[in-house]
């Protein structure tokens, strides 16, 4: 049972890393500074960052050890979430991107969040 759970967790982390990479690409195409770095080819961890405007930064870390969402403004930590709450916040960011029109300016709801 534990081996099965460990394998499911590894697959979950890999899926999450692939989605973070895709989100970074979409954000870059929309004009935001975004990046997603992974260590090695196993896709078992990633560091995702996006700048949503002047001094407004989101950092999302995922690895076998945990998942963390950190939001900072003016070099101060505004919010730090872990686990399912961090993933929910990432979904909110993805939804904003999904429904934000490519032609809108950075003063859209995304940049204001």
Protein backbone atom coordinates (compact mmCIF):
# COMPACT_ATOMS: atom_id res chain seq x y z
CA UNK A 1 0.00 0.00 0.00
CA UNK A 2 2.75 2.50 0.90
CA UNK A 3 4.67 1.84 -2.29
CA UNK A 4 1.53 2.58 -4.29
CA UNK A 5 0.96 5.82 -2.36
CA UNK A 6 4.58 6.87 -2.87
CA UNK A 7 4.26 6.27 -6.62
CA UNK A 8 1.01 8.24 -6.77
CA UNK A 9 2.67 11.12 -4.95
CA UNK A 10 5.59 11.12 -7.41
CA UNK A 11 3.14 11.20 -10.33
CA UNK A 12 1.22 14.05 -8.69
CA UNK A 13 4.41 16.10 -8.25
CA UNK A 14 5.44 15.43 -11.88
CA UNK A 15 2.01 16.55 -13.13
CA UNK A 16 2.18 19.66 -10.99
CA UNK A 17 5.67 20.50 -12.29
CA UNK A 18 4.52 20.10 -15.91
CA UNK A 19 1.55 22.39 -15.26
CA UNK A 20 3.80 24.99 -13.63
CA UNK A 21 6.05 24.95 -16.70
CA UNK A 22 3.04 25.48 -18.96
CA UNK A 23 1.71 28.29 -16.76
CA UNK A 24 5.08 30.06 -16.90
CA UNK A 25 5.05 29.88 -20.71
CA UNK A 26 1.52 31.32 -20.90
CA UNK A 27 2.40 34.11 -18.48
CA UNK A 28 5.52 35.01 -20.48
CA UNK A 29 3.46 35.16 -23.67
CA UNK A 30 1.05 37.51 -21.89
CA UNK A 31 3.94 39.85 -21.05
CA UNK A 32 4.64 38.90 -17.44
CA UNK A 33 8.08 38.01 -16.15
CA UNK A 34 7.71 34.34 -15.21
CA UNK A 35 9.97 31.34 -14.82
CA UNK A 36 9.83 27.71 -13.80
CA UNK A 37 13.04 25.91 -12.93
CA UNK A 38 13.38 22.19 -12.30
CA UNK A 39 16.27 20.18 -10.93
CA UNK A 40 17.33 17.36 -13.23
CA UNK A 41 15.17 15.50 -15.67
CA UNK A 42 13.06 13.60 -13.16
CA UNK A 43 10.61 16.49 -12.66
CA UNK A 44 10.38 15.84 -8.92
CA UNK A 45 10.71 19.49 -7.88
CA UNK A 46 10.24 22.99 -9.29
CA UNK A 47 10.53 26.64 -8.43
CA UNK A 48 7.93 28.82 -10.16
CA UNK A 49 8.04 32.62 -9.96
CA UNK A 50 5.99 35.38 -11.55
CA UNK A 51 6.06 39.14 -11.22
CA UNK A 52 2.52 40.51 -11.31
CA UNK A 53 3.53 44.12 -11.34
CA UNK A 54 5.74 46.58 -9.61
CA UNK A 55 7.27 44.84 -6.58
CA UNK A 56 4.54 42.13 -6.54
CA UNK A 57 5.99 38.62 -6.70
CA UNK A 58 4.52 35.13 -6.43
CA UNK A 59 6.75 32.14 -5.68
CA UNK A 60 5.46 28.56 -5.78
CA UNK A 61 7.74 25.71 -4.72
CA UNK A 62 6.97 22.04 -5.15
CA UNK A 63 9.01 18.99 -4.20
CA UNK A 64 8.68 15.64 -2.50
CA UNK A 65 8.98 17.53 0.78
CA UNK A 66 6.07 19.89 0.29
CA UNK A 67 4.27 22.59 -1.63
CA UNK A 68 4.47 26.28 -0.79
CA UNK A 69 2.87 29.47 -2.18
CA UNK A 70 4.47 32.74 -1.11
CA UNK A 71 3.21 36.15 -2.16
CA UNK A 72 5.41 39.19 -1.62
CA UNK A 73 5.03 42.91 -2.21
CA UNK A 74 7.82 45.44 -1.66
CA UNK A 75 10.07 42.61 -0.38
CA UNK A 76 7.58 41.77 2.39
CA UNK A 77 5.85 38.46 2.69
CA UNK A 78 2.11 38.99 2.44
CA UNK A 79 0.90 35.42 2.43
CA UNK A 80 2.41 31.97 2.77
CA UNK A 81 0.31 28.88 2.15
CA UNK A 82 1.19 25.21 2.07
CA UNK A 83 -0.29 22.03 0.64
CA UNK A 84 -3.83 22.08 -0.67
CA UNK A 85 -4.27 25.77 0.18
CA UNK A 86 -1.21 26.62 -1.93
CA UNK A 87 -2.58 24.62 -4.85
CA UNK A 88 -5.97 26.35 -4.53
CA UNK A 89 -4.25 29.73 -4.71
CA UNK A 90 -2.34 28.57 -7.78
CA UNK A 91 -5.66 27.59 -9.36
CA UNK A 92 -6.98 31.09 -8.72
CA UNK A 93 -3.95 32.52 -10.52
CA UNK A 94 -4.48 30.12 -13.42
CA UNK A 95 -8.17 31.08 -13.62
CA UNK A 96 -7.26 34.77 -13.77
CA UNK A 97 -4.89 34.01 -16.64
CA UNK A 98 -7.45 31.85 -18.38
CA UNK A 99 -10.15 34.52 -18.36
CA UNK A 100 -7.84 37.51 -18.88
CA UNK A 101 -7.85 38.61 -22.52
CA UNK A 102 -4.40 38.73 -24.16
CA UNK A 103 -5.07 42.26 -25.45
CA UNK A 104 -5.79 43.74 -22.01
CA UNK A 105 -3.14 45.77 -20.27
CA UNK A 106 -1.28 44.80 -17.13
CA UNK A 107 -3.74 46.87 -15.16
CA UNK A 108 -6.17 43.98 -15.50
CA UNK A 109 -7.48 42.00 -12.57
CA UNK A 110 -4.37 39.80 -12.71
CA UNK A 111 -1.98 42.66 -12.07
CA UNK A 112 -4.22 44.00 -9.32
CA UNK A 113 -4.35 40.73 -7.41
